[in-house]
Every structure is written in C-alpha cells, then in structure tokens.
C-alpha cells in the first residue's frame, strides 16, 4: 500500500503594487555617487581596501601640518607655500587614482553588477558621471583639504585673524580652482584608462604606466629636439603640467634650472592643455559606457 503524500499548501503572499514614494533618477545617481565616494576611501570594505587611501591621505596632510607648525613656531607665515604643496600632491594623486579608479568601475564589470546599475532609471552616462564625480570628490579631500589647512593655519597663527583673513582671502579662489582642476585632470585620465580594461590589475598598470611613461617620453623628446618643440614638450608630462599650472595660479616664478622654468611658457598653456585632456578623457569615458548601455 502506497504511503499517503503530504498535501500541498497554497500561500497567499499578498503581492501588491508599490504605492510609496518613487525618488527617481536623480536620487539613483546620488546614491551611486555616495556609495562610490565611500568605496574610494575603502569605507564599508575590508582593511586592505583602506590601506592606500589612508597612506596617501597621511602623506598628503603631513607636510601641511609641518608647514603650519614651523610657520607658527618661527612666526613666519611666508613659510607656507600653496604652490609647492599642490605640486607635491601630483604623484600621490596618480598613485591614489591607480589604486581606486579600477576599484570604482572595473570591479562592477568583474562582479557582473554593471547590468544592474544600467537598468532603469540609471543610464550609462549617469553611471559614468557618478563615478567621475565620486573620484573627483575623493581627490578634493586630498588636494583641497591640505590647502585649506594651510590657509586657515596662516590666518589663525597671527594676532589679528580677521585682518589676516582680509589680506589672504584673495588666495581662496586659486586654492579651490587649483584643487578642482588638478583633481579633474588626474581622475578623468584614470577613469578613462580603467574603463578600457577588463581586469583591475590591467587598469592599475595602465594608469601607472601613463604617469610614468609620459614623463619618460617627454624627457626623450626634450633630449632629441630643440627650439619650440623642446619648449612645448613639457606639456606632454602630466607632472610638469601640474607644476606649471600651480606656478601660474599662485604667481610663483619657476626655478630657472627646472624644465618648466627653461620652457618659459605662458601659464595659460598649462591650463588649456589640462582642460583639453580632461575633456578628451571624459568623452572617452562617457562614450565607453554609452556603448555598454546600448
């Protein structure tokens, strides 16, 4: 005799249409930006993910703290130099971007979640914009943060902070503008290169190669040429671009024996070159994800 079979049970799950508030596309992009900004600093991830951001932040902020401390102890506000610090951060930003740009976009492709992001209402352009804004925001912490520390340190070390602020506030626009332009420059290059890679290791290697091989190629051109070609070859070096831009922005005379000093180019040449690179890299990034969306 066959054993009786257990009777099936029908559950009323009560599926209903969602009637709550729909935050829409803007909130989706904002959420992606916030999540990516946290990811850039390793927040919410393992300890290994925090190593590079913490190390770079410590190295970037330490000279600013030392400058403020020495200037305060010696009563010499002129010891604080905004241009020198912006130049100092250039290579560190490249290191940060090489580690974190692949983390922001290549990981999504490797883990297969990119298609989820690109489902409605987020488009490929929205995704690229959120990632670019997040990396620029993370870099502003490393560029604008120390510069503001130098600014307010210079103001409050004097006996009359208000008078010092009125004398120094004209530097705020160059400080903010320099930090923003430099952050956009490095971030756009890193994300454009990373968007073309299929693995994080390849993306990191391509970013590092860009900031190492471009200076080497620039020096090779300078060694083999003369005249205007030699002068303008400094514009092919990302580090020289930031150096020349910082000198022009803060009205600092470049050292005569340096490559930037010998080139004797107008400061606007560095700015326009940086802006052109930013636009080209941003177009590459956006087109890459528009094709993925299609």
C-alpha atoms as a PDB file:
ATOM      1  CA  UNK A   1       0.000   0.000   0.000  1.00  0.00           C
ATOM      2  CA  UNK A   2       1.447   3.353  -1.046  1.00  0.00           C
ATOM      3  CA  UNK A   3       2.257   5.896   1.645  1.00  0.00           C
ATOM      4  CA  UNK A   4      -0.048   8.911   1.689  1.00  0.00           C
ATOM      5  CA  UNK A   5       1.564  12.013   0.186  1.00  0.00           C
ATOM      6  CA  UNK A   6       1.620  15.263   2.111  1.00  0.00           C
ATOM      7  CA  UNK A   7      -0.984  17.699   0.925  1.00  0.00           C
ATOM      8  CA  UNK A   8       0.301  20.769  -0.857  1.00  0.00           C
ATOM      9  CA  UNK A   9      -0.198  24.179   0.678  1.00  0.00           C
ATOM     10  CA  UNK A  10      -1.032  27.340  -1.192  1.00  0.00           C
ATOM     11  CA  UNK A  11       0.272  30.511   0.412  1.00  0.00           C
ATOM     12  CA  UNK A  12      -1.294  33.878  -0.248  1.00  0.00           C
ATOM     13  CA  UNK A  13       1.812  36.050  -0.458  1.00  0.00           C
ATOM     14  CA  UNK A  14      -0.269  39.116  -0.970  1.00  0.00           C
ATOM     15  CA  UNK A  15       1.717  40.704  -3.814  1.00  0.00           C
ATOM     16  CA  UNK A  16       0.654  44.308  -4.244  1.00  0.00           C
ATOM     17  CA  UNK A  17       1.743  47.197  -6.358  1.00  0.00           C
ATOM     18  CA  UNK A  18       4.246  49.548  -4.745  1.00  0.00           C
ATOM     19  CA  UNK A  19       2.439  52.758  -3.764  1.00  0.00           C
ATOM     20  CA  UNK A  20       5.233  54.528  -1.891  1.00  0.00           C
ATOM     21  CA  UNK A  21       7.323  57.463  -2.986  1.00  0.00           C
ATOM     22  CA  UNK A  22       9.492  56.929  -6.067  1.00  0.00           C
ATOM     23  CA  UNK A  23      12.644  59.004  -5.707  1.00  0.00           C
ATOM     24  CA  UNK A  24      13.538  58.790  -9.377  1.00  0.00           C
ATOM     25  CA  UNK A  25      16.665  59.048 -11.476  1.00  0.00           C
ATOM     26  CA  UNK A  26      18.370  61.885  -9.598  1.00  0.00           C
ATOM     27  CA  UNK A  27      18.267  60.003  -6.312  1.00  0.00           C
ATOM     28  CA  UNK A  28      19.629  56.881  -8.007  1.00  0.00           C
ATOM     29  CA  UNK A  29      22.608  58.828  -9.347  1.00  0.00           C
ATOM     30  CA  UNK A  30      23.140  60.486  -5.952  1.00  0.00           C
ATOM     31  CA  UNK A  31      23.086  57.106  -4.206  1.00  0.00           C
ATOM     32  CA  UNK A  32      25.598  55.708  -6.694  1.00  0.00           C
ATOM     33  CA  UNK A  33      27.817  58.763  -6.160  1.00  0.00           C
ATOM     34  CA  UNK A  34      27.670  58.392  -2.368  1.00  0.00           C
ATOM     35  CA  UNK A  35      28.409  54.679  -2.495  1.00  0.00           C
ATOM     36  CA  UNK A  36      31.319  55.229  -4.915  1.00  0.00           C
ATOM     37  CA  UNK A  37      32.760  58.015  -2.764  1.00  0.00           C
ATOM     38  CA  UNK A  38      32.749  55.697   0.238  1.00  0.00           C
ATOM     39  CA  UNK A  39      34.327  52.965  -1.879  1.00  0.00           C
ATOM     40  CA  UNK A  40      37.157  55.303  -2.925  1.00  0.00           C
ATOM     41  CA  UNK A  41      38.225  55.514   0.723  1.00  0.00           C
ATOM     42  CA  UNK A  42      37.545  51.853   1.488  1.00  0.00           C
ATOM     43  CA  UNK A  43      34.644  52.663   3.821  1.00  0.00           C
ATOM     44  CA  UNK A  44      32.452  49.623   4.365  1.00  0.00           C
ATOM     45  CA  UNK A  45      35.084  47.320   2.880  1.00  0.00           C
ATOM     46  CA  UNK A  46      37.956  45.218   4.237  1.00  0.00           C
ATOM     47  CA  UNK A  47      41.073  46.563   5.902  1.00  0.00           C
ATOM     48  CA  UNK A  48      43.184  46.046   2.780  1.00  0.00           C
ATOM     49  CA  UNK A  49      40.893  48.402   0.845  1.00  0.00           C
ATOM     50  CA  UNK A  50      41.681  51.189   3.301  1.00  0.00           C
ATOM     51  CA  UNK A  51      45.481  50.881   3.138  1.00  0.00           C
ATOM     52  CA  UNK A  52      46.188  53.040   0.068  1.00  0.00           C
ATOM     53  CA  UNK A  53      43.651  55.815   0.878  1.00  0.00           C
ATOM     54  CA  UNK A  54      44.841  56.114   4.480  1.00  0.00           C
ATOM     55  CA  UNK A  55      48.521  56.051   3.476  1.00  0.00           C
ATOM     56  CA  UNK A  56      48.106  58.666   0.741  1.00  0.00           C
ATOM     57  CA  UNK A  57      45.985  60.907   2.993  1.00  0.00           C
ATOM     58  CA  UNK A  58      48.593  60.737   5.750  1.00  0.00           C
ATOM     59  CA  UNK A  59      51.440  61.596   3.361  1.00  0.00           C
ATOM     60  CA  UNK A  60      49.468  64.476   1.832  1.00  0.00           C
ATOM     61  CA  UNK A  61      48.350  66.063   5.099  1.00  0.00           C
ATOM     62  CA  UNK A  62      51.623  65.623   6.989  1.00  0.00           C
ATOM     63  CA  UNK A  63      53.621  68.290   5.073  1.00  0.00           C
ATOM     64  CA  UNK A  64      50.739  70.746   5.519  1.00  0.00           C
ATOM     65  CA  UNK A  65      50.740  70.160   9.269  1.00  0.00           C
ATOM     66  CA  UNK A  66      54.534  70.568   9.355  1.00  0.00           C
ATOM     67  CA  UNK A  67      54.375  73.812   7.365  1.00  0.00           C
ATOM     68  CA  UNK A  68      51.765  75.289   9.696  1.00  0.00           C
ATOM     69  CA  UNK A  69      53.706  74.141  12.767  1.00  0.00           C
ATOM     70  CA  UNK A  70      57.038  75.555  11.595  1.00  0.00           C
ATOM     71  CA  UNK A  71      55.460  78.817  10.418  1.00  0.00           C
ATOM     72  CA  UNK A  72      53.689  79.215  13.757  1.00  0.00           C
ATOM     73  CA  UNK A  73      56.773  78.380  15.820  1.00  0.00           C
ATOM     74  CA  UNK A  74      59.004  80.768  13.887  1.00  0.00           C
ATOM     75  CA  UNK A  75      56.315  83.457  13.367  1.00  0.00           C
ATOM     76  CA  UNK A  76      56.992  83.365   9.622  1.00  0.00           C
ATOM     77  CA  UNK A  77      53.704  82.997   7.677  1.00  0.00           C
ATOM     78  CA  UNK A  78      55.667  83.213   4.436  1.00  0.00           C
ATOM     79  CA  UNK A  79      56.953  79.694   5.093  1.00  0.00           C
ATOM     80  CA  UNK A  80      53.545  78.412   3.966  1.00  0.00           C
ATOM     81  CA  UNK A  81      53.568  77.813   0.189  1.00  0.00           C
ATOM     82  CA  UNK A  82      50.379  76.733  -1.583  1.00  0.00           C
ATOM     83  CA  UNK A  83      52.020  76.096  -4.955  1.00  0.00           C
ATOM     84  CA  UNK A  84      54.704  73.795  -3.524  1.00  0.00           C
ATOM     85  CA  UNK A  85      52.108  71.664  -1.778  1.00  0.00           C
ATOM     86  CA  UNK A  86      49.939  71.352  -4.902  1.00  0.00           C
ATOM     87  CA  UNK A  87      52.985  70.235  -6.884  1.00  0.00           C
ATOM     88  CA  UNK A  88      53.876  67.772  -4.118  1.00  0.00           C
ATOM     89  CA  UNK A  89      50.488  66.048  -4.322  1.00  0.00           C
ATOM     90  CA  UNK A  90      50.677  65.391  -8.085  1.00  0.00           C
ATOM     91  CA  UNK A  91      52.389  61.983  -7.988  1.00  0.00           C
ATOM     92  CA  UNK A  92      50.451  60.915  -4.886  1.00  0.00           C
ATOM     93  CA  UNK A  93      47.193  61.625  -6.699  1.00  0.00           C
ATOM     94  CA  UNK A  94      48.391  59.420  -9.553  1.00  0.00           C
ATOM     95  CA  UNK A  95      49.108  56.618  -7.066  1.00  0.00           C
ATOM     96  CA  UNK A  96      45.698  57.057  -5.441  1.00  0.00           C
ATOM     97  CA  UNK A  97      43.892  57.030  -8.790  1.00  0.00           C
ATOM     98  CA  UNK A  98      45.771  53.939  -9.970  1.00  0.00           C
ATOM     99  CA  UNK A  99      44.525  52.053  -6.928  1.00  0.00           C
ATOM    100  CA  UNK A 100      40.992  53.426  -6.599  1.00  0.00           C
ATOM    101  CA  UNK A 101      39.769  54.121 -10.157  1.00  0.00           C
ATOM    102  CA  UNK A 102      39.754  50.382 -11.043  1.00  0.00           C
ATOM    103  CA  UNK A 103      38.020  49.725  -7.728  1.00  0.00           C
ATOM    104  CA  UNK A 104      35.198  52.044  -8.761  1.00  0.00           C
ATOM    105  CA  UNK A 105      34.422  50.740 -12.244  1.00  0.00           C
ATOM    106  CA  UNK A 106      36.359  47.578 -13.140  1.00  0.00           C
ATOM    107  CA  UNK A 107      35.073  45.740 -10.075  1.00  0.00           C
ATOM    108  CA  UNK A 108      31.491  46.279 -11.231  1.00  0.00           C
ATOM    109  CA  UNK A 109      32.264  44.598 -14.553  1.00  0.00           C
ATOM    110  CA  UNK A 110      34.137  41.717 -12.952  1.00  0.00           C
ATOM    111  CA  UNK A 111      31.365  41.013 -10.446  1.00  0.00           C
ATOM    112  CA  UNK A 112      28.645  41.252 -13.079  1.00  0.00           C
ATOM    113  CA  UNK A 113      26.668  44.038 -11.395  1.00  0.00           C
ATOM    114  CA  UNK A 114      27.138  46.632 -14.139  1.00  0.00           C
ATOM    115  CA  UNK A 115      23.959  45.467 -15.884  1.00  0.00           C
ATOM    116  CA  UNK A 116      22.048  46.054 -12.651  1.00  0.00           C
ATOM    117  CA  UNK A 117      23.328  49.609 -12.414  1.00  0.00           C
ATOM    118  CA  UNK A 118      22.411  50.274 -16.025  1.00  0.00           C
ATOM    119  CA  UNK A 119      18.833  49.117 -15.573  1.00  0.00           C
ATOM    120  CA  UNK A 120      16.247  51.864 -15.401  1.00  0.00           C
ATOM    121  CA  UNK A 121      16.391  54.641 -14.426  1.00  0.00           C
ATOM    122  CA  UNK A 122      20.228  54.884 -14.391  1.00  0.00           C
ATOM    123  CA  UNK A 123      21.786  55.221 -17.858  1.00  0.00           C
ATOM    124  CA  UNK A 124      25.353  54.604 -18.932  1.00  0.00           C
ATOM    125  CA  UNK A 125      26.044  58.347 -18.931  1.00  0.00           C
ATOM    126  CA  UNK A 126      24.606  58.637 -15.409  1.00  0.00           C
ATOM    127  CA  UNK A 127      26.846  55.811 -14.247  1.00  0.00           C
ATOM    128  CA  UNK A 128      29.978  57.384 -15.745  1.00  0.00           C
ATOM    129  CA  UNK A 129      29.090  60.808 -14.325  1.00  0.00           C
ATOM    130  CA  UNK A 130      28.531  59.426 -10.812  1.00  0.00           C
ATOM    131  CA  UNK A 131      31.832  57.544 -10.863  1.00  0.00           C
ATOM    132  CA  UNK A 132      33.762  60.556 -12.177  1.00  0.00           C
ATOM    133  CA  UNK A 133      32.180  62.880  -9.622  1.00  0.00           C
ATOM    134  CA  UNK A 134      32.963  60.421  -6.825  1.00  0.00           C
ATOM    135  CA  UNK A 135      36.638  60.104  -7.752  1.00  0.00           C
ATOM    136  CA  UNK A 136      36.973  63.883  -8.164  1.00  0.00           C
ATOM    137  CA  UNK A 137      35.314  64.338  -4.769  1.00  0.00           C
ATOM    138  CA  UNK A 138      37.698  61.861  -3.169  1.00  0.00           C
ATOM    139  CA  UNK A 139      40.683  63.652  -4.696  1.00  0.00           C
ATOM    140  CA  UNK A 140      39.395  67.019  -3.492  1.00  0.00           C
ATOM    141  CA  UNK A 141      39.788  65.678   0.027  1.00  0.00           C
ATOM    142  CA  UNK A 142      43.466  65.089  -0.767  1.00  0.00           C
ATOM    143  CA  UNK A 143      44.048  68.383  -2.613  1.00  0.00           C
ATOM    144  CA  UNK A 144      41.661  70.949  -1.172  1.00  0.00           C
ATOM    145  CA  UNK A 145      41.821  69.630   2.388  1.00  0.00           C
ATOM    146  CA  UNK A 146      45.551  70.308   2.970  1.00  0.00           C
ATOM    147  CA  UNK A 147      45.349  73.624   1.112  1.00  0.00           C
ATOM    148  CA  UNK A 148      42.538  74.828   3.378  1.00  0.00           C
ATOM    149  CA  UNK A 149      44.566  73.639   6.365  1.00  0.00           C
ATOM    150  CA  UNK A 150      47.456  75.817   5.164  1.00  0.00           C
ATOM    151  CA  UNK A 151      45.130  78.765   4.557  1.00  0.00           C
ATOM    152  CA  UNK A 152      43.420  78.745   7.946  1.00  0.00           C
ATOM    153  CA  UNK A 153      46.681  77.906   9.695  1.00  0.00           C
ATOM    154  CA  UNK A 154      48.218  81.012   8.136  1.00  0.00           C
ATOM    155  CA  UNK A 155      45.223  83.107   9.184  1.00  0.00           C
ATOM    156  CA  UNK A 156      44.893  81.968  12.787  1.00  0.00           C
ATOM    157  CA  UNK A 157      48.591  81.984  13.638  1.00  0.00           C
ATOM    158  CA  UNK A 158      48.589  85.784  13.565  1.00  0.00           C
ATOM    159  CA  UNK A 159      47.454  88.017  16.406  1.00  0.00           C
ATOM    160  CA  UNK A 160      44.623  89.500  14.330  1.00  0.00           C
ATOM    161  CA  UNK A 161      42.941  86.645  12.426  1.00  0.00           C
ATOM    162  CA  UNK A 162      40.322  88.916  10.827  1.00  0.00           C
ATOM    163  CA  UNK A 163      42.945  91.266   9.399  1.00  0.00           C
ATOM    164  CA  UNK A 164      44.948  88.253   8.218  1.00  0.00           C
ATOM    165  CA  UNK A 165      41.847  86.788   6.567  1.00  0.00           C
ATOM    166  CA  UNK A 166      41.128  90.036   4.693  1.00  0.00           C
ATOM    167  CA  UNK A 167      44.720  90.088   3.469  1.00  0.00           C
ATOM    168  CA  UNK A 168      44.719  86.413   2.478  1.00  0.00           C
ATOM    169  CA  UNK A 169      41.173  85.721   1.238  1.00  0.00           C
ATOM    170  CA  UNK A 170      42.187  86.500  -2.343  1.00  0.00           C
ATOM    171  CA  UNK A 171      44.054  83.176  -2.344  1.00  0.00           C
ATOM    172  CA  UNK A 172      40.861  81.175  -1.742  1.00  0.00           C
ATOM    173  CA  UNK A 173      39.794  81.206  -5.404  1.00  0.00           C
ATOM    174  CA  UNK A 174      43.186  79.926  -6.669  1.00  0.00           C
ATOM    175  CA  UNK A 175      43.204  77.334  -3.875  1.00  0.00           C
ATOM    176  CA  UNK A 176      39.760  75.961  -4.746  1.00  0.00           C
ATOM    177  CA  UNK A 177      40.267  76.301  -8.505  1.00  0.00           C
ATOM    178  CA  UNK A 178      43.682  74.651  -8.439  1.00  0.00           C
ATOM    179  CA  UNK A 179      42.459  71.730  -6.343  1.00  0.00           C
ATOM    180  CA  UNK A 180      39.398  71.216  -8.555  1.00  0.00           C
ATOM    181  CA  UNK A 181      41.269  71.387 -11.884  1.00  0.00           C
ATOM    182  CA  UNK A 182      44.058  69.085 -10.657  1.00  0.00           C
ATOM    183  CA  UNK A 183      41.555  66.563  -9.267  1.00  0.00           C
ATOM    184  CA  UNK A 184      39.528  66.533 -12.503  1.00  0.00           C
ATOM    185  CA  UNK A 185      42.715  66.125 -14.553  1.00  0.00           C
ATOM    186  CA  UNK A 186      44.009  63.059 -12.717  1.00  0.00           C
ATOM    187  CA  UNK A 187      40.565  61.494 -12.169  1.00  0.00           C
ATOM    188  CA  UNK A 188      39.493  61.774 -15.817  1.00  0.00           C
ATOM    189  CA  UNK A 189      42.714  60.152 -17.049  1.00  0.00           C
ATOM    190  CA  UNK A 190      42.473  57.307 -14.522  1.00  0.00           C
ATOM    191  CA  UNK A 191      38.812  56.523 -15.206  1.00  0.00           C
ATOM    192  CA  UNK A 192      39.178  56.745 -18.995  1.00  0.00           C
ATOM    193  CA  UNK A 193      42.039  54.235 -18.937  1.00  0.00           C
ATOM    194  CA  UNK A 194      40.289  51.984 -16.405  1.00  0.00           C
ATOM    195  CA  UNK A 195      37.096  51.925 -18.473  1.00  0.00           C
ATOM    196  CA  UNK A 196      39.031  50.240 -21.302  1.00  0.00           C
ATOM    197  CA  UNK A 197      40.427  47.462 -19.080  1.00  0.00           C
ATOM    198  CA  UNK A 198      38.751  44.187 -18.234  1.00  0.00           C
ATOM    199  CA  UNK A 199      40.673  43.480 -15.025  1.00  0.00           C
ATOM    200  CA  UNK A 200      41.701  45.623 -12.087  1.00  0.00           C
ATOM    201  CA  UNK A 201      45.372  44.731 -12.439  1.00  0.00           C
ATOM    202  CA  UNK A 202      45.414  45.826 -16.079  1.00  0.00           C
ATOM    203  CA  UNK A 203      43.613  49.066 -15.227  1.00  0.00           C
ATOM    204  CA  UNK A 204      46.033  49.917 -12.420  1.00  0.00           C
ATOM    205  CA  UNK A 205      49.007  49.106 -14.627  1.00  0.00           C
ATOM    206  CA  UNK A 206      47.714  51.336 -17.421  1.00  0.00           C
ATOM    207  CA  UNK A 207      47.236  54.302 -15.082  1.00  0.00           C
ATOM    208  CA  UNK A 208      50.681  53.867 -13.534  1.00  0.00           C
ATOM    209  CA  UNK A 209      52.227  53.463 -16.989  1.00  0.00           C
ATOM    210  CA  UNK A 210      50.590  56.682 -18.151  1.00  0.00           C
ATOM    211  CA  UNK A 211      52.092  58.711 -15.307  1.00  0.00           C
ATOM    212  CA  UNK A 212      55.486  57.015 -15.662  1.00  0.00           C
ATOM    213  CA  UNK A 213      55.877  56.622 -19.428  1.00  0.00           C
ATOM    214  CA  UNK A 214      54.516  60.052 -20.348  1.00  0.00           C
ATOM    215  CA  UNK A 215      57.263  61.823 -18.335  1.00  0.00           C
ATOM    216  CA  UNK A 216      59.869  59.479 -19.836  1.00  0.00           C
ATOM    217  CA  UNK A 217      58.636  60.227 -23.355  1.00  0.00           C
ATOM    218  CA  UNK A 218      58.652  63.934 -22.563  1.00  0.00           C
ATOM    219  CA  UNK A 219      62.261  63.797 -21.414  1.00  0.00           C
ATOM    220  CA  UNK A 220      63.213  61.820 -24.535  1.00  0.00           C
ATOM    221  CA  UNK A 221      61.632  64.449 -26.771  1.00  0.00           C
ATOM    222  CA  UNK A 222      63.360  67.234 -24.855  1.00  0.00           C
ATOM    223  CA  UNK A 223      66.709  65.482 -25.261  1.00  0.00           C
ATOM    224  CA  UNK A 224      66.352  64.929 -29.013  1.00  0.00           C
ATOM    225  CA  UNK A 225      64.856  68.254 -30.059  1.00  0.00           C
ATOM    226  CA  UNK A 226      65.483  71.966 -29.712  1.00  0.00           C
ATOM    227  CA  UNK A 227      63.675  75.263 -30.083  1.00  0.00           C
ATOM    228  CA  UNK A 228      59.895  75.437 -29.716  1.00  0.00           C
ATOM    229  CA  UNK A 229      59.485  71.669 -29.946  1.00  0.00           C
ATOM    230  CA  UNK A 230      61.734  71.276 -26.913  1.00  0.00           C
ATOM    231  CA  UNK A 231      59.903  74.026 -25.038  1.00  0.00           C
ATOM    232  CA  UNK A 232      56.405  72.703 -25.685  1.00  0.00           C
ATOM    233  CA  UNK A 233      57.384  69.094 -24.980  1.00  0.00           C
ATOM    234  CA  UNK A 234      56.916  69.811 -21.257  1.00  0.00           C
ATOM    235  CA  UNK A 235      53.184  69.832 -21.960  1.00  0.00           C
ATOM    236  CA  UNK A 236      53.330  66.066 -22.579  1.00  0.00           C
ATOM    237  CA  UNK A 237      54.452  65.451 -18.997  1.00  0.00           C
ATOM    238  CA  UNK A 238      51.497  65.271 -16.531  1.00  0.00           C
ATOM    239  CA  UNK A 239      53.683  66.250 -13.580  1.00  0.00           C
ATOM    240  CA  UNK A 240      55.124  69.276 -15.412  1.00  0.00           C
ATOM    241  CA  UNK A 241      51.594  70.267 -16.388  1.00  0.00           C
ATOM    242  CA  UNK A 242      50.511  70.422 -12.760  1.00  0.00           C
ATOM    243  CA  UNK A 243      53.769  72.146 -11.767  1.00  0.00           C
ATOM    244  CA  UNK A 244      53.461  74.847 -14.418  1.00  0.00           C
ATOM    245  CA  UNK A 245      49.767  75.298 -13.660  1.00  0.00           C
ATOM    246  CA  UNK A 246      50.445  75.690  -9.922  1.00  0.00           C
ATOM    247  CA  UNK A 247      53.235  78.225 -10.510  1.00  0.00           C
ATOM    248  CA  UNK A 248      50.985  80.286 -12.782  1.00  0.00           C
ATOM    249  CA  UNK A 249      47.967  80.003 -10.494  1.00  0.00           C
ATOM    250  CA  UNK A 250      49.777  81.273  -7.401  1.00  0.00           C
ATOM    251  CA  UNK A 251      52.029  83.688  -9.328  1.00  0.00           C
ATOM    252  CA  UNK A 252      55.234  81.862  -8.426  1.00  0.00           C
ATOM    253  CA  UNK A 253      58.318  82.140 -10.602  1.00  0.00           C
ATOM    254  CA  UNK A 254      59.502  78.710 -11.731  1.00  0.00           C
ATOM    255  CA  UNK A 255      63.054  77.720 -10.917  1.00  0.00           C
ATOM    256  CA  UNK A 256      65.234  78.656 -13.862  1.00  0.00           C
ATOM    257  CA  UNK A 257      67.083  75.315 -13.935  1.00  0.00           C
ATOM    258  CA  UNK A 258      63.878  73.286 -13.942  1.00  0.00           C
ATOM    259  CA  UNK A 259      62.236  72.038 -17.139  1.00  0.00           C
ATOM    260  CA  UNK A 260      59.237  74.306 -16.556  1.00  0.00           C
ATOM    261  CA  UNK A 261      61.476  77.314 -15.942  1.00  0.00           C
ATOM    262  CA  UNK A 262      63.540  76.684 -19.088  1.00  0.00           C
ATOM    263  CA  UNK A 263      60.435  76.207 -21.219  1.00  0.00           C
ATOM    264  CA  UNK A 264      59.234  79.687 -20.222  1.00  0.00           C
ATOM    265  CA  UNK A 265      55.707  79.014 -21.484  1.00  0.00           C
ATOM    266  CA  UNK A 266      52.712  81.184 -20.577  1.00  0.00           C
ATOM    267  CA  UNK A 267      50.754  79.809 -17.632  1.00  0.00           C
ATOM    268  CA  UNK A 268      47.603  79.621 -19.713  1.00  0.00           C
ATOM    269  CA  UNK A 269      49.280  76.981 -21.908  1.00  0.00           C
ATOM    270  CA  UNK A 270      49.351  74.588 -18.943  1.00  0.00           C
ATOM    271  CA  UNK A 271      45.746  75.355 -18.042  1.00  0.00           C
ATOM    272  CA  UNK A 272      44.407  74.850 -21.568  1.00  0.00           C
ATOM    273  CA  UNK A 273      46.347  71.624 -22.011  1.00  0.00           C
ATOM    274  CA  UNK A 274      44.915  70.273 -18.762  1.00  0.00           C
ATOM    275  CA  UNK A 275      41.374  71.260 -19.786  1.00  0.00           C
ATOM    276  CA  UNK A 276      41.738  69.627 -23.217  1.00  0.00           C
ATOM    277  CA  UNK A 277      42.976  66.388 -21.601  1.00  0.00           C
ATOM    278  CA  UNK A 278      40.043  66.473 -19.166  1.00  0.00           C
ATOM    279  CA  UNK A 279      37.521  66.901 -21.979  1.00  0.00           C
ATOM    280  CA  UNK A 280      39.041  64.168 -24.169  1.00  0.00           C
ATOM    281  CA  UNK A 281      39.233  61.656 -21.306  1.00  0.00           C
ATOM    282  CA  UNK A 282      35.705  62.462 -20.155  1.00  0.00           C
ATOM    283  CA  UNK A 283      34.363  61.932 -23.683  1.00  0.00           C
ATOM    284  CA  UNK A 284      36.159  58.570 -23.857  1.00  0.00           C
ATOM    285  CA  UNK A 285      34.649  57.544 -20.508  1.00  0.00           C
ATOM    286  CA  UNK A 286      31.115  58.580 -21.413  1.00  0.00           C
ATOM    287  CA  UNK A 287      31.224  57.006 -24.870  1.00  0.00           C
ATOM    288  CA  UNK A 288      32.531  53.780 -23.376  1.00  0.00           C
ATOM    289  CA  UNK A 289      29.501  53.410 -21.115  1.00  0.00           C
ATOM    290  CA  UNK A 290      27.038  54.592 -23.694  1.00  0.00           C
ATOM    291  CA  UNK A 291      28.195  51.661 -25.845  1.00  0.00           C
ATOM    292  CA  UNK A 292      27.869  49.297 -22.874  1.00  0.00           C
ATOM    293  CA  UNK A 293      24.331  50.554 -22.289  1.00  0.00           C
ATOM    294  CA  UNK A 294      23.428  50.006 -25.904  1.00  0.00           C
END
